[in-house]
Amino acid sequence: MTARPVQPPLPAAQGEVVHVREAALGSVRAETVEAQRATIRQASADAITAGLSALVVSRAGELTAEKSALGVSLAARSTVRTSAVALMVAGNAQLENVAATWVIGGNVRASRVLSLAIIGGNVDGDVRALFGTRAALAFGLALGLSGLIARLLLRLMK
């Protein structure tokens, strides 16, 4: 078995305004983060702007992303264009031409969005969800029943 090479830790940045260009950072804490062609593992700021970047975990008052990949995003206001999102939780979310797994928001405005699920108080726009209401209920019921059956079988086998 060969040993895996040890990766040096990613650098961190902190300040009032942090500009990240063509770099990779572990964590960023600032009032404003501007990322261009960058990778950031964890970003926390009042305002985050990302272009052609990847943010694994981001927490912001206002998030703007274009042609980027977002892992987990928590924001009061989000504007995302031509990007991919794993999980977005936002008070107000505006999405244009986005592929998303989960979007949870108070107000969601969407244009050309493909998503597994969108949960919101007010959802408006052109959204294609993988699961409709009936399909989601059927999937949840089937998943719950299969879990129950698996537990019962495990108990009987002991």
N, C-alpha and C. Protein backbone atom coordinates (compact mmCIF):
# COMPACT_ATOMS: atom_id res chain seq x y z
N MET A 1 0.84 -1.17 0.00
CA MET A 1 0.00 0.00 0.00
C MET A 1 0.89 1.24 0.00
N THR A 2 0.66 2.13 -0.93
CA THR A 2 1.49 3.33 -1.01
C THR A 2 0.89 4.43 -0.15
N ALA A 3 1.77 5.23 0.40
CA ALA A 3 1.34 6.32 1.26
C ALA A 3 0.87 7.49 0.39
N ARG A 4 -0.21 8.09 0.81
CA ARG A 4 -0.71 9.26 0.09
C ARG A 4 0.14 10.46 0.46
N PRO A 5 0.45 11.31 -0.50
CA PRO A 5 1.23 12.50 -0.17
C PRO A 5 0.44 13.43 0.73
N VAL A 6 1.13 14.04 1.65
CA VAL A 6 0.49 14.96 2.58
C VAL A 6 0.29 16.30 1.88
N GLN A 7 -0.95 16.76 1.87
CA GLN A 7 -1.26 18.03 1.25
C GLN A 7 -1.07 19.15 2.27
N PRO A 8 -0.40 20.22 1.90
CA PRO A 8 -0.28 21.33 2.83
C PRO A 8 -1.64 21.98 3.03
N PRO A 9 -1.89 22.53 4.22
CA PRO A 9 -3.18 23.16 4.45
C PRO A 9 -3.35 24.40 3.57
N LEU A 10 -4.58 24.66 3.19
CA LEU A 10 -4.86 25.83 2.37
C LEU A 10 -4.74 27.08 3.23
N PRO A 11 -4.21 28.16 2.67
CA PRO A 11 -4.08 29.39 3.45
C PRO A 11 -5.44 30.01 3.75
N ALA A 12 -5.47 30.85 4.77
CA ALA A 12 -6.69 31.55 5.17
C ALA A 12 -6.49 33.04 4.95
N ALA A 13 -7.59 33.76 4.82
CA ALA A 13 -7.53 35.21 4.64
C ALA A 13 -8.58 35.86 5.51
N GLN A 14 -8.25 37.05 6.01
CA GLN A 14 -9.16 37.78 6.85
C GLN A 14 -8.93 39.26 6.61
N GLY A 15 -9.99 40.05 6.62
CA GLY A 15 -9.83 41.47 6.41
C GLY A 15 -11.16 42.12 6.12
N GLU A 16 -11.10 43.42 5.82
CA GLU A 16 -12.32 44.15 5.50
C GLU A 16 -12.81 43.77 4.11
N VAL A 17 -11.92 43.86 3.12
CA VAL A 17 -12.23 43.45 1.75
C VAL A 17 -11.15 42.46 1.31
N VAL A 18 -11.58 41.28 0.88
CA VAL A 18 -10.64 40.26 0.43
C VAL A 18 -10.91 39.97 -1.04
N HIS A 19 -9.88 40.16 -1.87
CA HIS A 19 -9.95 39.84 -3.30
C HIS A 19 -9.18 38.54 -3.51
N VAL A 20 -9.83 37.55 -4.11
CA VAL A 20 -9.18 36.27 -4.40
C VAL A 20 -9.23 36.08 -5.91
N ARG A 21 -8.07 35.98 -6.53
CA ARG A 21 -8.02 35.82 -7.98
C ARG A 21 -7.08 34.67 -8.32
N GLU A 22 -7.63 33.67 -9.01
CA GLU A 22 -6.86 32.51 -9.46
C GLU A 22 -6.04 31.90 -8.31
N ALA A 23 -6.74 31.62 -7.21
CA ALA A 23 -6.08 31.06 -6.04
C ALA A 23 -7.05 30.13 -5.31
N ALA A 24 -6.51 29.36 -4.39
CA ALA A 24 -7.32 28.48 -3.54
C ALA A 24 -7.08 28.86 -2.09
N LEU A 25 -8.16 29.04 -1.34
CA LEU A 25 -8.06 29.41 0.07
C LEU A 25 -8.88 28.43 0.90
N GLY A 26 -8.42 28.22 2.13
CA GLY A 26 -9.16 27.36 3.04
C GLY A 26 -10.35 28.07 3.63
N SER A 27 -10.12 29.22 4.27
CA SER A 27 -11.22 29.97 4.85
C SER A 27 -10.99 31.46 4.66
N VAL A 28 -12.10 32.17 4.50
CA VAL A 28 -12.06 33.62 4.32
C VAL A 28 -13.13 34.23 5.22
N ARG A 29 -12.72 35.22 6.01
CA ARG A 29 -13.66 35.99 6.83
C ARG A 29 -13.42 37.46 6.52
N ALA A 30 -14.47 38.13 6.07
CA ALA A 30 -14.32 39.53 5.69
C ALA A 30 -15.70 40.18 5.61
N GLU A 31 -15.69 41.50 5.46
CA GLU A 31 -16.95 42.19 5.20
C GLU A 31 -17.36 41.97 3.76
N THR A 32 -16.38 41.99 2.85
CA THR A 32 -16.64 41.78 1.42
C THR A 32 -15.63 40.80 0.86
N VAL A 33 -16.11 39.79 0.14
CA VAL A 33 -15.24 38.82 -0.54
C VAL A 33 -15.54 38.90 -2.03
N GLU A 34 -14.50 39.10 -2.82
CA GLU A 34 -14.63 39.09 -4.28
C GLU A 34 -13.72 38.00 -4.82
N ALA A 35 -14.31 36.99 -5.45
CA ALA A 35 -13.55 35.84 -5.95
C ALA A 35 -13.71 35.73 -7.46
N GLN A 36 -12.59 35.63 -8.16
CA GLN A 36 -12.58 35.43 -9.61
C GLN A 36 -11.66 34.25 -9.91
N ARG A 37 -12.20 33.23 -10.55
CA ARG A 37 -11.43 32.02 -10.87
C ARG A 37 -10.72 31.49 -9.62
N ALA A 38 -11.48 31.35 -8.56
CA ALA A 38 -10.91 30.95 -7.27
C ALA A 38 -11.67 29.77 -6.69
N THR A 39 -11.02 29.12 -5.74
CA THR A 39 -11.65 28.05 -4.98
C THR A 39 -11.53 28.41 -3.50
N ILE A 40 -12.66 28.43 -2.82
CA ILE A 40 -12.68 28.78 -1.40
C ILE A 40 -13.45 27.69 -0.66
N ARG A 41 -12.80 27.11 0.33
CA ARG A 41 -13.44 26.04 1.09
C ARG A 41 -14.55 26.60 1.99
N GLN A 42 -14.29 27.71 2.69
CA GLN A 42 -15.28 28.29 3.59
C GLN A 42 -15.17 29.80 3.54
N ALA A 43 -16.29 30.47 3.22
CA ALA A 43 -16.30 31.93 3.14
C ALA A 43 -17.44 32.47 4.00
N SER A 44 -17.13 33.50 4.77
CA SER A 44 -18.12 34.15 5.61
C SER A 44 -17.94 35.65 5.47
N ALA A 45 -18.99 36.34 5.00
CA ALA A 45 -18.88 37.78 4.75
C ALA A 45 -20.27 38.41 4.68
N ASP A 46 -20.29 39.74 4.76
CA ASP A 46 -21.54 40.46 4.55
C ASP A 46 -21.94 40.38 3.08
N ALA A 47 -20.96 40.45 2.19
CA ALA A 47 -21.22 40.38 0.75
C ALA A 47 -20.17 39.50 0.08
N ILE A 48 -20.63 38.55 -0.72
CA ILE A 48 -19.73 37.67 -1.47
C ILE A 48 -20.09 37.78 -2.95
N THR A 49 -19.08 38.03 -3.77
CA THR A 49 -19.25 38.05 -5.22
C THR A 49 -18.31 37.02 -5.81
N ALA A 50 -18.84 36.09 -6.60
CA ALA A 50 -18.02 35.03 -7.18
C ALA A 50 -18.27 34.93 -8.68
N GLY A 51 -17.17 34.82 -9.43
CA GLY A 51 -17.26 34.62 -10.87
C GLY A 51 -16.29 33.53 -11.28
N LEU A 52 -16.78 32.53 -11.99
CA LEU A 52 -15.95 31.39 -12.41
C LEU A 52 -15.21 30.80 -11.21
N SER A 53 -15.92 30.63 -10.11
CA SER A 53 -15.29 30.19 -8.86
C SER A 53 -16.07 29.03 -8.25
N ALA A 54 -15.44 28.39 -7.28
CA ALA A 54 -16.08 27.31 -6.53
C ALA A 54 -16.04 27.67 -5.05
N LEU A 55 -17.21 27.68 -4.42
CA LEU A 55 -17.32 27.95 -2.99
C LEU A 55 -17.95 26.71 -2.35
N VAL A 56 -17.23 26.08 -1.45
CA VAL A 56 -17.75 24.86 -0.84
C VAL A 56 -18.82 25.21 0.19
N VAL A 57 -18.49 26.07 1.14
CA VAL A 57 -19.46 26.54 2.14
C VAL A 57 -19.38 28.05 2.18
N SER A 58 -20.52 28.71 1.99
CA SER A 58 -20.52 30.18 2.02
C SER A 58 -21.68 30.67 2.88
N ARG A 59 -21.39 31.71 3.66
CA ARG A 59 -22.39 32.34 4.51
C ARG A 59 -22.27 33.84 4.28
N ALA A 60 -23.38 34.46 3.84
CA ALA A 60 -23.31 35.87 3.49
C ALA A 60 -24.65 36.55 3.69
N GLY A 61 -24.57 37.86 3.85
CA GLY A 61 -25.79 38.66 3.83
C GLY A 61 -26.30 38.76 2.41
N GLU A 62 -25.38 39.00 1.49
CA GLU A 62 -25.72 39.08 0.07
C GLU A 62 -24.71 38.28 -0.74
N LEU A 63 -25.21 37.35 -1.54
CA LEU A 63 -24.36 36.49 -2.36
C LEU A 63 -24.71 36.70 -3.82
N THR A 64 -23.67 36.95 -4.63
CA THR A 64 -23.83 37.05 -6.08
C THR A 64 -22.83 36.11 -6.72
N ALA A 65 -23.33 35.19 -7.54
CA ALA A 65 -22.44 34.22 -8.19
C ALA A 65 -22.83 34.09 -9.66
N GLU A 66 -21.81 34.04 -10.51
CA GLU A 66 -22.03 33.86 -11.94
C GLU A 66 -21.01 32.86 -12.48
N LYS A 67 -21.52 31.87 -13.20
CA LYS A 67 -20.68 30.82 -13.78
C LYS A 67 -19.79 30.19 -12.70
N SER A 68 -20.43 29.81 -11.60
CA SER A 68 -19.70 29.28 -10.45
C SER A 68 -20.36 28.00 -9.95
N ALA A 69 -19.67 27.33 -9.04
CA ALA A 69 -20.20 26.14 -8.39
C ALA A 69 -20.29 26.42 -6.89
N LEU A 70 -21.46 26.20 -6.32
CA LEU A 70 -21.68 26.46 -4.91
C LEU A 70 -22.06 25.15 -4.22
N GLY A 71 -21.42 24.86 -3.11
CA GLY A 71 -21.77 23.68 -2.33
C GLY A 71 -22.96 24.00 -1.45
N VAL A 72 -22.70 24.46 -0.23
CA VAL A 72 -23.74 24.88 0.70
C VAL A 72 -23.68 26.39 0.81
N SER A 73 -24.79 27.04 0.53
CA SER A 73 -24.83 28.49 0.53
C SER A 73 -25.95 28.98 1.44
N LEU A 74 -25.60 29.81 2.43
CA LEU A 74 -26.57 30.41 3.33
C LEU A 74 -26.49 31.91 3.14
N ALA A 75 -27.60 32.56 2.78
CA ALA A 75 -27.56 34.00 2.53
C ALA A 75 -28.94 34.61 2.75
N ALA A 76 -28.94 35.88 3.13
CA ALA A 76 -30.20 36.60 3.23
C ALA A 76 -30.74 36.88 1.83
N ARG A 77 -29.85 37.30 0.91
CA ARG A 77 -30.22 37.56 -0.48
C ARG A 77 -29.21 36.88 -1.39
N SER A 78 -29.71 36.11 -2.35
CA SER A 78 -28.83 35.42 -3.29
C SER A 78 -29.25 35.72 -4.72
N THR A 79 -28.25 35.99 -5.55
CA THR A 79 -28.46 36.13 -6.99
C THR A 79 -27.45 35.20 -7.66
N VAL A 80 -27.94 34.19 -8.35
CA VAL A 80 -27.07 33.19 -8.95
C VAL A 80 -27.44 33.04 -10.42
N ARG A 81 -26.43 33.15 -11.29
CA ARG A 81 -26.65 33.05 -12.73
C ARG A 81 -25.70 32.02 -13.33
N THR A 82 -26.22 31.18 -14.20
CA THR A 82 -25.44 30.21 -14.97
C THR A 82 -24.46 29.47 -14.06
N SER A 83 -24.99 28.80 -13.07
CA SER A 83 -24.16 28.13 -12.06
C SER A 83 -24.78 26.81 -11.64
N ALA A 84 -24.04 26.10 -10.81
CA ALA A 84 -24.54 24.86 -10.21
C ALA A 84 -24.53 25.02 -8.69
N VAL A 85 -25.59 24.53 -8.05
CA VAL A 85 -25.74 24.70 -6.60
C VAL A 85 -26.15 23.36 -5.99
N ALA A 86 -25.49 22.97 -4.90
CA ALA A 86 -25.89 21.76 -4.19
C ALA A 86 -27.03 22.08 -3.22
N LEU A 87 -26.83 23.01 -2.30
CA LEU A 87 -27.85 23.40 -1.34
C LEU A 87 -27.80 24.90 -1.14
N MET A 88 -28.92 25.56 -1.36
CA MET A 88 -29.00 27.00 -1.13
C MET A 88 -30.14 27.28 -0.17
N VAL A 89 -29.83 28.02 0.88
CA VAL A 89 -30.84 28.49 1.82
C VAL A 89 -30.75 30.00 1.81
N ALA A 90 -31.84 30.66 1.40
CA ALA A 90 -31.81 32.12 1.26
C ALA A 90 -33.17 32.71 1.61
N GLY A 91 -33.15 33.91 2.15
CA GLY A 91 -34.39 34.62 2.38
C GLY A 91 -35.03 35.00 1.07
N ASN A 92 -34.25 35.62 0.20
CA ASN A 92 -34.68 35.96 -1.15
C ASN A 92 -33.66 35.39 -2.12
N ALA A 93 -34.11 34.54 -3.03
CA ALA A 93 -33.21 33.92 -4.00
C ALA A 93 -33.68 34.24 -5.41
N GLN A 94 -32.74 34.68 -6.23
CA GLN A 94 -33.02 34.91 -7.65
C GLN A 94 -32.07 34.03 -8.43
N LEU A 95 -32.62 33.10 -9.20
CA LEU A 95 -31.83 32.12 -9.93
C LEU A 95 -32.13 32.21 -11.42
N GLU A 96 -31.07 32.25 -12.22
CA GLU A 96 -31.22 32.28 -13.68
C GLU A 96 -30.30 31.25 -14.30
N ASN A 97 -30.88 30.33 -15.05
CA ASN A 97 -30.11 29.30 -15.75
C ASN A 97 -29.21 28.53 -14.78
N VAL A 98 -29.84 27.91 -13.79
CA VAL A 98 -29.12 27.25 -12.69
C VAL A 98 -29.56 25.79 -12.59
N ALA A 99 -28.60 24.92 -12.31
CA ALA A 99 -28.89 23.54 -11.93
C ALA A 99 -28.66 23.44 -10.43
N ALA A 100 -29.68 23.03 -9.70
CA ALA A 100 -29.58 23.00 -8.24
C ALA A 100 -30.14 21.70 -7.71
N THR A 101 -29.57 21.23 -6.61
CA THR A 101 -30.12 20.06 -5.95
C THR A 101 -31.27 20.49 -5.05
N TRP A 102 -30.99 21.34 -4.07
CA TRP A 102 -31.99 21.83 -3.14
C TRP A 102 -31.93 23.34 -3.08
N VAL A 103 -33.08 23.98 -3.14
CA VAL A 103 -33.19 25.42 -2.93
C VAL A 103 -34.29 25.63 -1.89
N ILE A 104 -33.94 26.32 -0.82
CA ILE A 104 -34.90 26.61 0.25
C ILE A 104 -34.88 28.11 0.46
N GLY A 105 -36.03 28.76 0.34
CA GLY A 105 -36.04 30.20 0.48
C GLY A 105 -37.42 30.74 0.80
N GLY A 106 -37.43 31.96 1.29
CA GLY A 106 -38.69 32.64 1.55
C GLY A 106 -39.34 33.05 0.24
N ASN A 107 -38.60 33.76 -0.58
CA ASN A 107 -39.04 34.17 -1.91
C ASN A 107 -38.03 33.65 -2.92
N VAL A 108 -38.49 32.85 -3.87
CA VAL A 108 -37.60 32.29 -4.88
C VAL A 108 -38.12 32.72 -6.25
N ARG A 109 -37.28 33.45 -6.99
CA ARG A 109 -37.60 33.82 -8.38
C ARG A 109 -36.64 33.04 -9.26
N ALA A 110 -37.20 32.31 -10.20
CA ALA A 110 -36.37 31.41 -11.00
C ALA A 110 -36.66 31.57 -12.48
N SER A 111 -35.60 31.47 -13.26
CA SER A 111 -35.71 31.49 -14.71
C SER A 111 -34.80 30.40 -15.26
N ARG A 112 -35.39 29.40 -15.90
CA ARG A 112 -34.64 28.27 -16.45
C ARG A 112 -33.83 27.55 -15.36
N VAL A 113 -34.54 27.02 -14.39
CA VAL A 113 -33.90 26.33 -13.27
C VAL A 113 -34.32 24.86 -13.28
N LEU A 114 -33.34 23.98 -13.17
CA LEU A 114 -33.58 22.55 -13.03
C LEU A 114 -33.16 22.16 -11.62
N SER A 115 -34.08 21.57 -10.86
CA SER A 115 -33.79 21.30 -9.46
C SER A 115 -34.42 19.99 -9.01
N LEU A 116 -33.80 19.37 -8.02
CA LEU A 116 -34.39 18.20 -7.38
C LEU A 116 -35.60 18.65 -6.56
N ALA A 117 -35.43 19.70 -5.76
CA ALA A 117 -36.53 20.20 -4.94
C ALA A 117 -36.33 21.68 -4.65
N ILE A 118 -37.42 22.42 -4.72
CA ILE A 118 -37.43 23.83 -4.33
C ILE A 118 -38.52 23.99 -3.28
N ILE A 119 -38.12 24.50 -2.13
CA ILE A 119 -39.05 24.72 -1.04
C ILE A 119 -39.04 26.21 -0.75
N GLY A 120 -40.21 26.85 -0.84
CA GLY A 120 -40.25 28.28 -0.60
C GLY A 120 -41.64 28.75 -0.26
N GLY A 121 -41.68 29.88 0.44
CA GLY A 121 -42.96 30.49 0.75
C GLY A 121 -43.62 31.02 -0.51
N ASN A 122 -42.81 31.57 -1.42
CA ASN A 122 -43.30 32.10 -2.68
C ASN A 122 -42.30 31.72 -3.77
N VAL A 123 -42.71 30.84 -4.67
CA VAL A 123 -41.84 30.41 -5.77
C VAL A 123 -42.46 30.90 -7.07
N ASP A 124 -41.66 31.63 -7.86
CA ASP A 124 -42.16 32.22 -9.09
C ASP A 124 -41.17 31.99 -10.21
N GLY A 125 -41.66 31.63 -11.39
CA GLY A 125 -40.77 31.52 -12.54
C GLY A 125 -40.82 30.17 -13.22
N ASP A 126 -39.83 29.94 -14.07
CA ASP A 126 -39.71 28.74 -14.88
C ASP A 126 -38.82 27.73 -14.17
N VAL A 127 -39.45 26.77 -13.49
CA VAL A 127 -38.72 25.79 -12.69
C VAL A 127 -39.13 24.39 -13.13
N ARG A 128 -38.14 23.53 -13.32
CA ARG A 128 -38.41 22.12 -13.57
C ARG A 128 -37.86 21.33 -12.39
N ALA A 129 -38.77 20.78 -11.63
CA ALA A 129 -38.36 19.99 -10.47
C ALA A 129 -38.42 18.51 -10.83
N LEU A 130 -37.46 17.76 -10.35
CA LEU A 130 -37.43 16.33 -10.60
C LEU A 130 -38.63 15.65 -9.96
N PHE A 131 -38.98 16.07 -8.75
CA PHE A 131 -40.14 15.53 -8.05
C PHE A 131 -41.23 16.58 -7.98
N GLY A 132 -42.45 16.20 -8.40
CA GLY A 132 -43.61 17.02 -8.13
C GLY A 132 -44.11 16.69 -6.74
N THR A 133 -45.22 17.27 -6.35
CA THR A 133 -45.75 17.03 -5.00
C THR A 133 -46.11 15.57 -4.80
N ARG A 134 -46.83 14.98 -5.74
CA ARG A 134 -47.24 13.57 -5.60
C ARG A 134 -46.03 12.64 -5.61
N ALA A 135 -45.10 12.89 -6.52
CA ALA A 135 -43.91 12.03 -6.60
C ALA A 135 -43.08 12.12 -5.33
N ALA A 136 -42.96 13.32 -4.76
CA ALA A 136 -42.19 13.49 -3.53
C ALA A 136 -42.86 12.75 -2.37
N LEU A 137 -44.18 12.82 -2.27
CA LEU A 137 -44.88 12.09 -1.21
C LEU A 137 -44.73 10.58 -1.39
N ALA A 138 -44.86 10.11 -2.63
CA ALA A 138 -44.71 8.68 -2.89
C ALA A 138 -43.29 8.22 -2.58
N PHE A 139 -42.29 9.01 -2.96
CA PHE A 139 -40.90 8.67 -2.69
C PHE A 139 -40.65 8.61 -1.18
N GLY A 140 -41.12 9.59 -0.45
CA GLY A 140 -40.95 9.61 1.00
C GLY A 140 -41.63 8.44 1.68
N LEU A 141 -42.84 8.11 1.23
CA LEU A 141 -43.55 6.98 1.78
C LEU A 141 -42.82 5.67 1.49
N ALA A 142 -42.37 5.50 0.26
CA ALA A 142 -41.63 4.28 -0.11
C ALA A 142 -40.33 4.16 0.66
N LEU A 143 -39.62 5.28 0.82
CA LEU A 143 -38.37 5.27 1.57
C LEU A 143 -38.61 4.92 3.04
N GLY A 144 -39.64 5.49 3.62
CA GLY A 144 -39.97 5.19 5.01
C GLY A 144 -40.36 3.74 5.22
N LEU A 145 -41.19 3.22 4.32
CA LEU A 145 -41.60 1.82 4.43
C LEU A 145 -40.43 0.86 4.24
N SER A 146 -39.57 1.15 3.28
CA SER A 146 -38.41 0.26 3.07
C SER A 146 -37.47 0.30 4.27
N GLY A 147 -37.31 1.45 4.90
CA GLY A 147 -36.50 1.53 6.12
C GLY A 147 -37.11 0.73 7.26
N LEU A 148 -38.44 0.81 7.39
CA LEU A 148 -39.14 0.05 8.42
C LEU A 148 -38.99 -1.45 8.19
N ILE A 149 -39.16 -1.89 6.96
CA ILE A 149 -39.03 -3.31 6.63
C ILE A 149 -37.60 -3.80 6.89
N ALA A 150 -36.61 -2.99 6.53
CA ALA A 150 -35.21 -3.37 6.78
C ALA A 150 -34.95 -3.52 8.27
N ARG A 151 -35.47 -2.63 9.09
CA ARG A 151 -35.28 -2.74 10.54
C ARG A 151 -35.94 -3.99 11.11
N LEU A 152 -37.16 -4.26 10.64
CA LEU A 152 -37.86 -5.45 11.13
C LEU A 152 -37.11 -6.72 10.74
N LEU A 153 -36.59 -6.77 9.53
CA LEU A 153 -35.82 -7.94 9.10
C LEU A 153 -34.55 -8.10 9.92
N LEU A 154 -33.88 -7.01 10.23
CA LEU A 154 -32.67 -7.09 11.06
C LEU A 154 -32.99 -7.59 12.46
N ARG A 155 -34.11 -7.16 13.03
CA ARG A 155 -34.49 -7.63 14.36
C ARG A 155 -34.82 -9.12 14.35
N LEU A 156 -35.49 -9.57 13.29
CA LEU A 156 -35.85 -10.99 13.20
C LEU A 156 -34.63 -11.87 13.01
N MET A 157 -33.59 -11.36 12.38
CA MET A 157 -32.38 -12.15 12.12
C MET A 157 -31.50 -12.28 13.35
N LYS A 158 -31.67 -11.45 14.35
CA LYS A 158 -30.83 -11.50 15.55
C LYS A 158 -31.22 -12.60 16.47
